[in-house]
N, C-alpha and C. Protein backbone atom coordinates (compact mmCIF):
# COMPACT_ATOMS: atom_id res chain seq x y z
N MET A 1 18.46 20.94 -87.41
CA MET A 1 19.53 21.01 -86.41
C MET A 1 20.88 20.75 -87.08
N PRO A 2 21.95 21.24 -86.51
CA PRO A 2 23.28 21.00 -87.05
C PRO A 2 23.68 19.53 -86.89
N ARG A 3 24.77 19.14 -87.51
CA ARG A 3 25.32 17.81 -87.32
C ARG A 3 25.84 17.71 -85.89
N PHE A 4 25.99 16.47 -85.42
CA PHE A 4 26.50 16.27 -84.07
C PHE A 4 27.67 15.28 -84.11
N LEU A 5 28.57 15.40 -83.16
CA LEU A 5 29.78 14.60 -83.11
C LEU A 5 29.92 14.01 -81.72
N PHE A 6 30.35 12.77 -81.65
CA PHE A 6 30.60 12.15 -80.37
C PHE A 6 32.05 12.39 -79.98
N LEU A 7 32.27 12.86 -78.78
CA LEU A 7 33.62 13.16 -78.32
C LEU A 7 33.95 12.28 -77.13
N VAL A 8 35.19 11.81 -77.06
CA VAL A 8 35.61 10.95 -75.97
C VAL A 8 35.86 11.80 -74.73
N PRO A 9 35.29 11.42 -73.56
CA PRO A 9 35.52 12.21 -72.35
C PRO A 9 36.99 12.31 -72.01
N LEU A 10 37.36 13.48 -71.52
CA LEU A 10 38.73 13.72 -71.08
C LEU A 10 38.73 13.90 -69.58
N LEU A 11 39.66 13.27 -68.90
CA LEU A 11 39.76 13.41 -67.46
C LEU A 11 40.69 14.57 -67.16
N VAL A 12 40.18 15.55 -66.45
CA VAL A 12 40.97 16.72 -66.13
C VAL A 12 40.91 16.99 -64.64
N PRO A 13 41.97 17.58 -64.05
CA PRO A 13 41.95 17.90 -62.63
C PRO A 13 41.06 19.10 -62.37
N LEU A 14 40.65 19.26 -61.14
CA LEU A 14 39.88 20.44 -60.77
C LEU A 14 40.73 21.68 -60.96
N PRO A 15 40.09 22.81 -61.33
CA PRO A 15 40.85 24.04 -61.48
C PRO A 15 41.54 24.45 -60.18
N ALA A 16 42.71 25.03 -60.30
CA ALA A 16 43.43 25.48 -59.12
C ALA A 16 42.71 26.66 -58.48
N LEU A 17 42.84 26.77 -57.18
CA LEU A 17 42.23 27.88 -56.48
C LEU A 17 42.95 29.17 -56.82
N SER A 18 42.21 30.26 -56.84
CA SER A 18 42.78 31.56 -57.15
C SER A 18 42.58 32.49 -55.97
N GLU A 19 42.96 33.73 -56.17
CA GLU A 19 42.91 34.68 -55.07
C GLU A 19 41.49 34.95 -54.58
N ASP A 20 40.47 34.61 -55.41
CA ASP A 20 39.10 34.84 -54.99
C ASP A 20 38.44 33.55 -54.50
N ASP A 21 39.27 32.57 -54.01
CA ASP A 21 38.73 31.28 -53.64
C ASP A 21 37.83 31.32 -52.41
N SER A 22 37.78 32.46 -51.73
CA SER A 22 36.87 32.58 -50.60
C SER A 22 35.46 32.93 -51.03
N HIS A 23 35.28 33.30 -52.29
CA HIS A 23 33.96 33.65 -52.79
C HIS A 23 33.13 32.40 -53.02
N PRO A 24 31.81 32.49 -52.87
CA PRO A 24 30.96 31.32 -53.16
C PRO A 24 31.12 30.89 -54.61
N VAL A 25 31.03 29.59 -54.82
CA VAL A 25 31.30 29.00 -56.13
C VAL A 25 30.03 28.82 -56.94
N ILE A 26 30.12 29.16 -58.21
CA ILE A 26 29.12 28.76 -59.20
C ILE A 26 29.79 27.70 -60.06
N ALA A 27 29.30 26.47 -59.97
CA ALA A 27 29.88 25.36 -60.72
C ALA A 27 29.13 25.18 -62.03
N CYS A 28 29.84 25.25 -63.13
CA CYS A 28 29.27 24.98 -64.45
C CYS A 28 29.64 23.54 -64.79
N PHE A 29 28.68 22.65 -64.66
CA PHE A 29 28.91 21.21 -64.67
C PHE A 29 28.27 20.63 -65.93
N GLY A 30 29.12 20.21 -66.89
CA GLY A 30 28.54 19.73 -68.13
C GLY A 30 29.53 19.05 -69.04
N ASP A 31 29.21 19.08 -70.34
CA ASP A 31 30.03 18.42 -71.35
C ASP A 31 30.78 19.46 -72.18
N SER A 32 30.97 19.19 -73.47
CA SER A 32 31.77 20.08 -74.31
C SER A 32 31.16 21.47 -74.46
N LEU A 33 29.84 21.58 -74.34
CA LEU A 33 29.20 22.88 -74.46
C LEU A 33 29.59 23.79 -73.29
N THR A 34 29.84 23.17 -72.15
CA THR A 34 30.33 23.92 -70.99
C THR A 34 31.84 24.09 -71.04
N ALA A 35 32.53 23.04 -71.46
CA ALA A 35 33.99 23.07 -71.47
C ALA A 35 34.54 24.14 -72.40
N GLY A 36 33.77 24.48 -73.45
CA GLY A 36 34.27 25.46 -74.42
C GLY A 36 35.09 24.80 -75.51
N PHE A 37 34.65 23.62 -75.94
CA PHE A 37 35.37 22.88 -76.98
C PHE A 37 35.52 23.73 -78.24
N GLY A 38 36.74 23.77 -78.77
CA GLY A 38 36.99 24.40 -80.05
C GLY A 38 37.24 25.89 -80.03
N VAL A 39 37.19 26.52 -78.85
CA VAL A 39 37.48 27.95 -78.77
C VAL A 39 38.72 28.15 -77.90
N ASP A 40 39.33 29.31 -78.02
CA ASP A 40 40.51 29.61 -77.23
C ASP A 40 40.18 29.69 -75.74
N ALA A 41 41.18 29.50 -74.92
CA ALA A 41 41.01 29.63 -73.48
C ALA A 41 40.43 31.01 -73.15
N GLY A 42 39.48 31.01 -72.23
CA GLY A 42 38.86 32.27 -71.83
C GLY A 42 37.63 32.64 -72.63
N LEU A 43 37.20 31.75 -73.56
CA LEU A 43 36.07 32.08 -74.43
C LEU A 43 34.93 31.06 -74.32
N SER A 44 34.91 30.29 -73.26
CA SER A 44 33.79 29.39 -73.01
C SER A 44 32.63 30.19 -72.41
N TYR A 45 31.45 29.59 -72.37
CA TYR A 45 30.33 30.34 -71.77
C TYR A 45 30.57 30.61 -70.29
N PRO A 46 31.18 29.69 -69.50
CA PRO A 46 31.47 30.05 -68.11
C PRO A 46 32.40 31.24 -67.98
N ASP A 47 33.34 31.40 -68.92
CA ASP A 47 34.23 32.56 -68.88
C ASP A 47 33.45 33.85 -69.09
N PHE A 48 32.54 33.85 -70.05
CA PHE A 48 31.73 35.03 -70.29
C PHE A 48 30.79 35.29 -69.11
N LEU A 49 30.33 34.21 -68.48
CA LEU A 49 29.48 34.36 -67.31
C LEU A 49 30.25 35.00 -66.16
N ALA A 50 31.49 34.57 -65.96
CA ALA A 50 32.32 35.15 -64.90
C ALA A 50 32.56 36.63 -65.15
N LYS A 51 32.78 36.98 -66.39
CA LYS A 51 32.98 38.39 -66.74
C LYS A 51 31.74 39.21 -66.44
N ARG A 52 30.58 38.67 -66.76
CA ARG A 52 29.33 39.37 -66.51
C ARG A 52 29.11 39.57 -65.01
N LEU A 53 29.40 38.57 -64.24
CA LEU A 53 29.27 38.67 -62.78
C LEU A 53 30.16 39.77 -62.23
N GLN A 54 31.40 39.78 -62.71
CA GLN A 54 32.36 40.79 -62.23
C GLN A 54 31.91 42.19 -62.61
N GLU A 55 31.45 42.35 -63.84
CA GLU A 55 31.02 43.67 -64.30
C GLU A 55 29.85 44.21 -63.49
N ARG A 56 29.03 43.31 -62.98
CA ARG A 56 27.85 43.73 -62.23
C ARG A 56 28.04 43.69 -60.72
N GLY A 57 29.28 43.44 -60.31
CA GLY A 57 29.60 43.55 -58.90
C GLY A 57 29.26 42.36 -58.04
N TYR A 58 28.98 41.21 -58.66
CA TYR A 58 28.70 40.00 -57.89
C TYR A 58 30.01 39.27 -57.60
N ARG A 59 30.20 38.89 -56.36
CA ARG A 59 31.45 38.24 -55.97
C ARG A 59 31.25 36.73 -55.86
N TYR A 60 31.43 36.09 -56.97
CA TYR A 60 31.36 34.63 -57.06
C TYR A 60 32.58 34.14 -57.82
N ARG A 61 32.93 32.89 -57.58
CA ARG A 61 33.99 32.24 -58.34
C ARG A 61 33.35 31.22 -59.27
N VAL A 62 33.45 31.43 -60.56
CA VAL A 62 32.88 30.51 -61.54
C VAL A 62 33.92 29.43 -61.85
N VAL A 63 33.53 28.17 -61.71
CA VAL A 63 34.42 27.05 -61.97
C VAL A 63 33.86 26.24 -63.14
N ASN A 64 34.66 26.07 -64.17
CA ASN A 64 34.25 25.32 -65.35
C ASN A 64 34.54 23.84 -65.13
N LEU A 65 33.48 23.06 -64.98
CA LEU A 65 33.59 21.61 -64.79
C LEU A 65 33.01 20.88 -65.99
N GLY A 66 33.27 21.42 -67.17
CA GLY A 66 32.83 20.77 -68.39
C GLY A 66 33.89 19.81 -68.90
N ILE A 67 33.47 18.64 -69.36
CA ILE A 67 34.37 17.65 -69.97
C ILE A 67 33.76 17.25 -71.31
N SER A 68 34.50 17.43 -72.37
CA SER A 68 34.00 17.11 -73.70
C SER A 68 33.62 15.63 -73.81
N GLY A 69 32.45 15.37 -74.36
CA GLY A 69 31.97 14.02 -74.56
C GLY A 69 31.31 13.39 -73.35
N ASP A 70 31.20 14.12 -72.25
CA ASP A 70 30.65 13.53 -71.03
C ASP A 70 29.17 13.21 -71.18
N THR A 71 28.75 12.18 -70.48
CA THR A 71 27.36 11.76 -70.42
C THR A 71 26.87 11.91 -68.98
N THR A 72 25.59 11.62 -68.76
CA THR A 72 25.08 11.67 -67.39
C THR A 72 25.75 10.59 -66.53
N THR A 73 26.13 9.47 -67.15
CA THR A 73 26.85 8.44 -66.40
C THR A 73 28.20 8.95 -65.94
N GLY A 74 28.91 9.63 -66.84
CA GLY A 74 30.19 10.22 -66.48
C GLY A 74 30.03 11.31 -65.44
N GLY A 75 28.99 12.11 -65.58
CA GLY A 75 28.74 13.16 -64.60
C GLY A 75 28.47 12.60 -63.22
N LEU A 76 27.69 11.54 -63.17
CA LEU A 76 27.39 10.91 -61.89
C LEU A 76 28.66 10.33 -61.27
N ALA A 77 29.54 9.80 -62.11
CA ALA A 77 30.79 9.20 -61.60
C ALA A 77 31.72 10.24 -60.99
N ARG A 78 31.60 11.50 -61.44
CA ARG A 78 32.50 12.53 -60.91
C ARG A 78 31.80 13.56 -60.03
N ILE A 79 30.62 13.22 -59.54
CA ILE A 79 29.85 14.18 -58.74
C ILE A 79 30.60 14.58 -57.47
N GLN A 80 31.39 13.66 -56.91
CA GLN A 80 32.10 13.99 -55.67
C GLN A 80 33.10 15.12 -55.88
N SER A 81 33.70 15.18 -57.06
CA SER A 81 34.65 16.26 -57.33
C SER A 81 33.94 17.61 -57.41
N VAL A 82 32.67 17.58 -57.82
CA VAL A 82 31.87 18.81 -57.82
C VAL A 82 31.51 19.19 -56.39
N LEU A 83 31.08 18.22 -55.62
CA LEU A 83 30.67 18.50 -54.24
C LEU A 83 31.83 19.01 -53.39
N GLN A 84 33.05 18.61 -53.73
CA GLN A 84 34.22 19.09 -52.97
C GLN A 84 34.35 20.61 -53.02
N LEU A 85 33.83 21.19 -54.07
CA LEU A 85 33.91 22.65 -54.22
C LEU A 85 32.84 23.38 -53.40
N LYS A 86 31.88 22.63 -52.86
CA LYS A 86 30.77 23.20 -52.09
C LYS A 86 30.11 24.35 -52.86
N PRO A 87 29.65 24.08 -54.09
CA PRO A 87 29.10 25.16 -54.90
C PRO A 87 27.79 25.72 -54.33
N ALA A 88 27.70 27.03 -54.30
CA ALA A 88 26.45 27.66 -53.90
C ALA A 88 25.39 27.44 -54.96
N ILE A 89 25.81 27.46 -56.21
CA ILE A 89 24.92 27.27 -57.35
C ILE A 89 25.61 26.35 -58.34
N THR A 90 24.86 25.40 -58.90
CA THR A 90 25.39 24.53 -59.95
C THR A 90 24.52 24.64 -61.19
N ILE A 91 25.15 24.95 -62.31
CA ILE A 91 24.45 24.98 -63.59
C ILE A 91 24.71 23.62 -64.24
N LEU A 92 23.70 22.77 -64.26
CA LEU A 92 23.83 21.38 -64.68
C LEU A 92 23.44 21.24 -66.15
N GLU A 93 24.43 20.91 -66.98
CA GLU A 93 24.22 20.77 -68.43
C GLU A 93 24.78 19.43 -68.86
N LEU A 94 23.94 18.40 -68.77
CA LEU A 94 24.32 17.05 -69.18
C LEU A 94 23.11 16.36 -69.80
N GLY A 95 23.39 15.37 -70.62
CA GLY A 95 22.30 14.58 -71.22
C GLY A 95 22.28 14.62 -72.73
N GLY A 96 22.84 15.66 -73.32
CA GLY A 96 22.84 15.75 -74.77
C GLY A 96 23.54 14.57 -75.43
N ASN A 97 24.69 14.19 -74.91
CA ASN A 97 25.42 13.04 -75.47
C ASN A 97 24.69 11.73 -75.23
N ASP A 98 23.94 11.65 -74.14
CA ASP A 98 23.11 10.46 -73.90
C ASP A 98 22.11 10.29 -75.05
N GLY A 99 21.41 11.38 -75.35
CA GLY A 99 20.40 11.31 -76.39
C GLY A 99 20.98 10.96 -77.73
N LEU A 100 22.10 11.56 -78.06
CA LEU A 100 22.73 11.31 -79.36
C LEU A 100 23.22 9.87 -79.49
N ARG A 101 23.57 9.26 -78.37
CA ARG A 101 24.09 7.89 -78.40
C ARG A 101 23.00 6.86 -78.18
N GLY A 102 21.77 7.31 -78.00
CA GLY A 102 20.68 6.37 -77.81
C GLY A 102 20.66 5.69 -76.46
N VAL A 103 21.24 6.34 -75.46
CA VAL A 103 21.17 5.82 -74.09
C VAL A 103 19.70 5.75 -73.68
N PRO A 104 19.26 4.66 -73.06
CA PRO A 104 17.86 4.58 -72.63
C PRO A 104 17.45 5.81 -71.82
N LEU A 105 16.30 6.35 -72.12
CA LEU A 105 15.86 7.57 -71.45
C LEU A 105 15.71 7.37 -69.95
N THR A 106 15.36 6.15 -69.55
CA THR A 106 15.23 5.88 -68.12
C THR A 106 16.58 6.03 -67.41
N ALA A 107 17.65 5.65 -68.09
CA ALA A 107 18.98 5.77 -67.48
C ALA A 107 19.40 7.23 -67.39
N THR A 108 19.12 8.00 -68.45
CA THR A 108 19.45 9.43 -68.43
C THR A 108 18.71 10.13 -67.30
N ARG A 109 17.44 9.84 -67.20
CA ARG A 109 16.64 10.47 -66.15
C ARG A 109 17.15 10.07 -64.76
N SER A 110 17.43 8.79 -64.57
CA SER A 110 17.90 8.30 -63.27
C SER A 110 19.22 8.95 -62.89
N ASN A 111 20.15 9.05 -63.84
CA ASN A 111 21.44 9.66 -63.56
C ASN A 111 21.30 11.13 -63.20
N LEU A 112 20.52 11.86 -64.00
CA LEU A 112 20.31 13.29 -63.72
C LEU A 112 19.65 13.48 -62.36
N GLU A 113 18.69 12.63 -62.07
CA GLU A 113 17.99 12.77 -60.79
C GLU A 113 18.93 12.52 -59.62
N SER A 114 19.80 11.54 -59.75
CA SER A 114 20.76 11.26 -58.69
C SER A 114 21.73 12.43 -58.51
N ILE A 115 22.19 13.00 -59.63
CA ILE A 115 23.07 14.17 -59.55
C ILE A 115 22.37 15.32 -58.85
N ILE A 116 21.14 15.58 -59.24
CA ILE A 116 20.36 16.67 -58.65
C ILE A 116 20.18 16.46 -57.15
N ARG A 117 19.81 15.26 -56.77
CA ARG A 117 19.56 14.97 -55.35
C ARG A 117 20.83 15.16 -54.52
N GLN A 118 21.96 14.75 -55.05
CA GLN A 118 23.20 14.91 -54.29
C GLN A 118 23.62 16.37 -54.19
N LEU A 119 23.41 17.13 -55.25
CA LEU A 119 23.73 18.55 -55.20
C LEU A 119 22.81 19.27 -54.21
N MET A 120 21.53 18.94 -54.24
CA MET A 120 20.59 19.58 -53.32
C MET A 120 20.89 19.20 -51.88
N ALA A 121 21.28 17.94 -51.65
CA ALA A 121 21.63 17.51 -50.29
C ALA A 121 22.83 18.28 -49.77
N ALA A 122 23.69 18.72 -50.68
CA ALA A 122 24.87 19.50 -50.31
C ALA A 122 24.56 21.00 -50.29
N ARG A 123 23.28 21.34 -50.40
CA ARG A 123 22.81 22.73 -50.33
C ARG A 123 23.30 23.59 -51.50
N SER A 124 23.45 22.96 -52.65
CA SER A 124 23.75 23.72 -53.86
C SER A 124 22.45 23.95 -54.61
N ARG A 125 22.23 25.19 -55.00
CA ARG A 125 21.04 25.52 -55.79
C ARG A 125 21.29 25.11 -57.24
N VAL A 126 20.44 24.26 -57.79
CA VAL A 126 20.67 23.69 -59.11
C VAL A 126 19.84 24.42 -60.16
N ILE A 127 20.51 24.83 -61.23
CA ILE A 127 19.84 25.32 -62.43
C ILE A 127 19.99 24.22 -63.47
N LEU A 128 18.87 23.75 -64.00
CA LEU A 128 18.89 22.65 -64.95
C LEU A 128 18.81 23.20 -66.37
N ALA A 129 19.84 22.91 -67.17
CA ALA A 129 19.89 23.38 -68.56
C ALA A 129 19.33 22.32 -69.47
N GLY A 130 18.23 22.63 -70.13
CA GLY A 130 17.58 21.68 -71.01
C GLY A 130 18.29 21.55 -72.35
N MET A 131 18.12 20.38 -72.96
CA MET A 131 18.69 20.10 -74.27
C MET A 131 17.63 19.50 -75.17
N THR A 132 17.93 19.46 -76.47
CA THR A 132 17.05 18.79 -77.42
C THR A 132 17.93 17.99 -78.38
N LEU A 133 17.30 17.37 -79.39
CA LEU A 133 18.01 16.49 -80.31
C LEU A 133 17.66 16.85 -81.75
N PRO A 134 18.48 16.42 -82.71
CA PRO A 134 18.19 16.69 -84.12
C PRO A 134 16.87 16.05 -84.56
N PRO A 135 16.21 16.61 -85.55
CA PRO A 135 14.90 16.11 -86.00
C PRO A 135 14.90 14.65 -86.43
N ASN A 136 16.03 14.14 -86.91
CA ASN A 136 16.05 12.76 -87.41
C ASN A 136 15.90 11.72 -86.29
N TYR A 137 15.90 12.16 -85.04
CA TYR A 137 15.67 11.23 -83.95
C TYR A 137 14.18 10.94 -83.75
N GLY A 138 13.35 11.68 -84.44
CA GLY A 138 11.91 11.42 -84.40
C GLY A 138 11.21 12.22 -83.33
N PRO A 139 10.00 12.71 -83.63
CA PRO A 139 9.30 13.61 -82.69
C PRO A 139 8.96 12.96 -81.36
N ASP A 140 8.63 11.69 -81.37
CA ASP A 140 8.25 11.04 -80.11
C ASP A 140 9.45 10.92 -79.18
N TYR A 141 10.56 10.46 -79.72
CA TYR A 141 11.77 10.32 -78.90
C TYR A 141 12.25 11.67 -78.40
N ILE A 142 12.24 12.66 -79.29
CA ILE A 142 12.68 14.00 -78.90
C ILE A 142 11.81 14.56 -77.79
N ARG A 143 10.50 14.38 -77.94
CA ARG A 143 9.57 14.89 -76.92
C ARG A 143 9.83 14.23 -75.57
N GLU A 144 10.01 12.90 -75.58
CA GLU A 144 10.28 12.19 -74.33
C GLU A 144 11.61 12.65 -73.72
N PHE A 145 12.59 12.86 -74.58
CA PHE A 145 13.90 13.33 -74.10
C PHE A 145 13.77 14.70 -73.45
N GLU A 146 13.12 15.62 -74.12
CA GLU A 146 12.97 16.98 -73.58
C GLU A 146 12.17 16.98 -72.27
N GLN A 147 11.22 16.06 -72.17
CA GLN A 147 10.39 16.02 -70.97
C GLN A 147 11.17 15.60 -69.73
N ILE A 148 12.30 14.93 -69.90
CA ILE A 148 13.13 14.59 -68.74
C ILE A 148 13.47 15.86 -67.96
N TYR A 149 13.88 16.89 -68.66
CA TYR A 149 14.28 18.15 -68.02
C TYR A 149 13.07 18.88 -67.42
N VAL A 150 11.99 18.87 -68.17
CA VAL A 150 10.77 19.53 -67.69
C VAL A 150 10.28 18.87 -66.40
N GLN A 151 10.23 17.55 -66.42
CA GLN A 151 9.69 16.81 -65.27
C GLN A 151 10.59 16.90 -64.05
N LEU A 152 11.90 16.79 -64.25
CA LEU A 152 12.81 16.88 -63.11
C LEU A 152 12.81 18.28 -62.51
N ALA A 153 12.76 19.28 -63.36
CA ALA A 153 12.70 20.66 -62.85
C ALA A 153 11.44 20.87 -62.03
N ALA A 154 10.32 20.32 -62.50
CA ALA A 154 9.06 20.47 -61.77
C ALA A 154 9.09 19.69 -60.45
N LYS A 155 9.62 18.48 -60.50
CA LYS A 155 9.64 17.63 -59.30
C LYS A 155 10.48 18.24 -58.18
N TYR A 156 11.61 18.84 -58.55
CA TYR A 156 12.52 19.38 -57.54
C TYR A 156 12.49 20.90 -57.46
N ARG A 157 11.54 21.49 -58.17
CA ARG A 157 11.35 22.94 -58.15
C ARG A 157 12.63 23.67 -58.51
N LEU A 158 13.21 23.26 -59.62
CA LEU A 158 14.47 23.84 -60.07
C LEU A 158 14.25 24.92 -61.11
N PRO A 159 15.01 25.99 -61.09
CA PRO A 159 15.02 26.90 -62.23
C PRO A 159 15.52 26.13 -63.45
N ARG A 160 14.86 26.34 -64.59
CA ARG A 160 15.21 25.57 -65.79
C ARG A 160 15.44 26.49 -66.97
N ILE A 161 16.54 26.24 -67.68
CA ILE A 161 16.80 26.90 -68.96
C ILE A 161 16.21 25.98 -70.02
N PRO A 162 15.16 26.37 -70.74
CA PRO A 162 14.51 25.45 -71.67
C PRO A 162 15.46 24.82 -72.67
N PHE A 163 16.36 25.61 -73.26
CA PHE A 163 17.32 25.08 -74.22
C PHE A 163 18.57 25.94 -74.14
N LEU A 164 19.68 25.34 -73.75
CA LEU A 164 20.91 26.09 -73.52
C LEU A 164 21.37 26.85 -74.76
N LEU A 165 21.16 26.27 -75.94
CA LEU A 165 21.66 26.88 -77.18
C LEU A 165 20.57 27.66 -77.93
N ALA A 166 19.58 28.11 -77.21
CA ALA A 166 18.52 28.89 -77.84
C ALA A 166 19.10 30.11 -78.54
N GLY A 167 18.71 30.29 -79.82
CA GLY A 167 19.19 31.43 -80.58
C GLY A 167 20.61 31.27 -81.10
N VAL A 168 21.22 30.12 -80.82
CA VAL A 168 22.61 29.88 -81.24
C VAL A 168 22.70 28.69 -82.19
N ALA A 169 22.03 27.59 -81.85
CA ALA A 169 22.23 26.31 -82.54
C ALA A 169 22.01 26.37 -84.05
N LEU A 170 21.09 27.17 -84.52
CA LEU A 170 20.79 27.21 -85.96
C LEU A 170 21.38 28.43 -86.65
N ASN A 171 22.24 29.14 -85.95
CA ASN A 171 22.84 30.36 -86.51
C ASN A 171 24.29 30.08 -86.87
N ASN A 172 24.57 30.00 -88.17
CA ASN A 172 25.93 29.67 -88.61
C ASN A 172 26.97 30.68 -88.15
N GLN A 173 26.55 31.92 -87.91
CA GLN A 173 27.49 32.94 -87.46
C GLN A 173 27.89 32.75 -86.00
N LEU A 174 27.13 31.94 -85.28
CA LEU A 174 27.41 31.71 -83.87
C LEU A 174 27.92 30.30 -83.57
N MET A 175 27.99 29.48 -84.63
CA MET A 175 28.44 28.11 -84.46
C MET A 175 29.77 27.87 -85.16
N GLN A 176 30.52 26.91 -84.65
CA GLN A 176 31.75 26.51 -85.30
C GLN A 176 31.43 25.71 -86.57
N ALA A 177 32.46 25.46 -87.36
CA ALA A 177 32.27 24.77 -88.63
C ALA A 177 31.72 23.35 -88.45
N ASP A 178 31.92 22.75 -87.27
CA ASP A 178 31.40 21.39 -87.06
C ASP A 178 29.89 21.37 -86.92
N GLY A 179 29.27 22.54 -86.78
CA GLY A 179 27.83 22.59 -86.63
C GLY A 179 27.34 22.07 -85.30
N ILE A 180 28.24 21.90 -84.36
CA ILE A 180 27.91 21.30 -83.07
C ILE A 180 28.09 22.27 -81.92
N HIS A 181 29.25 22.95 -81.94
CA HIS A 181 29.65 23.77 -80.81
C HIS A 181 29.59 25.25 -81.14
N PRO A 182 29.18 26.08 -80.19
CA PRO A 182 29.21 27.53 -80.41
C PRO A 182 30.64 28.03 -80.57
N ASN A 183 30.79 29.08 -81.37
CA ASN A 183 32.07 29.78 -81.41
C ASN A 183 32.11 30.78 -80.25
N ALA A 184 33.10 31.64 -80.21
CA ALA A 184 33.23 32.58 -79.09
C ALA A 184 31.99 33.47 -78.96
N ALA A 185 31.52 34.00 -80.10
CA ALA A 185 30.32 34.86 -80.06
C ALA A 185 29.11 34.06 -79.61
N GLY A 186 29.04 32.81 -80.03
CA GLY A 186 27.93 31.97 -79.60
C GLY A 186 27.98 31.68 -78.11
N ASN A 187 29.18 31.45 -77.58
CA ASN A 187 29.31 31.21 -76.14
C ASN A 187 28.92 32.44 -75.33
N GLU A 188 29.20 33.61 -75.87
CA GLU A 188 28.79 34.83 -75.18
C GLU A 188 27.27 34.92 -75.11
N LYS A 189 26.60 34.49 -76.19
CA LYS A 189 25.14 34.50 -76.19
C LYS A 189 24.58 33.43 -75.25
N VAL A 190 25.25 32.28 -75.19
CA VAL A 190 24.85 31.25 -74.24
C VAL A 190 24.93 31.79 -72.81
N ALA A 191 26.01 32.50 -72.51
CA ALA A 191 26.16 33.09 -71.18
C ALA A 191 25.02 34.06 -70.88
N ALA A 192 24.59 34.81 -71.89
CA ALA A 192 23.47 35.74 -71.70
C ALA A 192 22.18 34.98 -71.43
N THR A 193 22.02 33.82 -72.09
CA THR A 193 20.84 32.99 -71.85
C THR A 193 20.86 32.45 -70.42
N VAL A 194 22.00 31.96 -69.99
CA VAL A 194 22.14 31.45 -68.62
C VAL A 194 21.89 32.56 -67.61
N TRP A 195 22.36 33.75 -67.91
CA TRP A 195 22.25 34.87 -67.00
C TRP A 195 20.80 35.19 -66.64
N LYS A 196 19.91 35.04 -67.59
CA LYS A 196 18.50 35.35 -67.35
C LYS A 196 17.92 34.50 -66.23
N THR A 197 18.40 33.27 -66.13
CA THR A 197 17.93 32.38 -65.06
C THR A 197 18.76 32.52 -63.80
N LEU A 198 20.04 32.80 -63.97
CA LEU A 198 20.94 32.88 -62.83
C LEU A 198 20.75 34.15 -62.01
N GLU A 199 20.63 35.29 -62.65
CA GLU A 199 20.65 36.55 -61.91
C GLU A 199 19.58 36.65 -60.83
N PRO A 200 18.34 36.20 -61.06
CA PRO A 200 17.36 36.30 -59.97
C PRO A 200 17.79 35.53 -58.72
N LEU A 201 18.53 34.46 -58.88
CA LEU A 201 19.01 33.71 -57.72
C LEU A 201 20.07 34.50 -56.98
N LEU A 202 20.88 35.24 -57.71
CA LEU A 202 21.91 36.05 -57.07
C LEU A 202 21.28 37.19 -56.29
N ARG A 203 20.24 37.76 -56.79
CA ARG A 203 19.57 38.85 -56.10
C ARG A 203 18.96 38.39 -54.78
N ARG A 204 18.55 37.12 -54.73
CA ARG A 204 17.92 36.62 -53.51
C ARG A 204 18.93 36.21 -52.45
N ARG A 205 20.20 36.03 -52.87
CA ARG A 205 21.21 35.60 -51.92
C ARG A 205 21.59 36.74 -50.98
């Protein structure tokens, strides 16, 4: 796995409403991988996802709620700002920073479960994006960490992306020099990975 970096969470206001604010919202709720850390504006995976939706005629408003360095604790603390948007669908990508910082797995699971329950209570369809950790964290810890996503998805019958950075994380051509974050081309591939899970939900709406 590439090297990893801890980033301090940044507090940012919710995105301003645009002319398509009447469209149902897809909330991309996560950390730096969602925020698009290190790439120019308009090149995060939510941006590529919004472009794909538009090209295929789906009328949704994609809102990027990624904050670099965020943990599940931070995500839980700002869940109300997500709920204010009344998202039809939420792509939940949190927990990677928990694992890297050695946050107890019970706390990560509890926080994610609380976030999921609140989103579901607000009638948002949740897509859970799975994460993994570098090999030096040890196979047992990594397995337990990955199982958090598997078990929560099964318990709440959530669509699950097994690994958000599948096909990207170990490809130097798709990663930034820090070995942590996708570059623009990598974010486009991440959007394609998300799309495979998202599109069937759009067809059913």
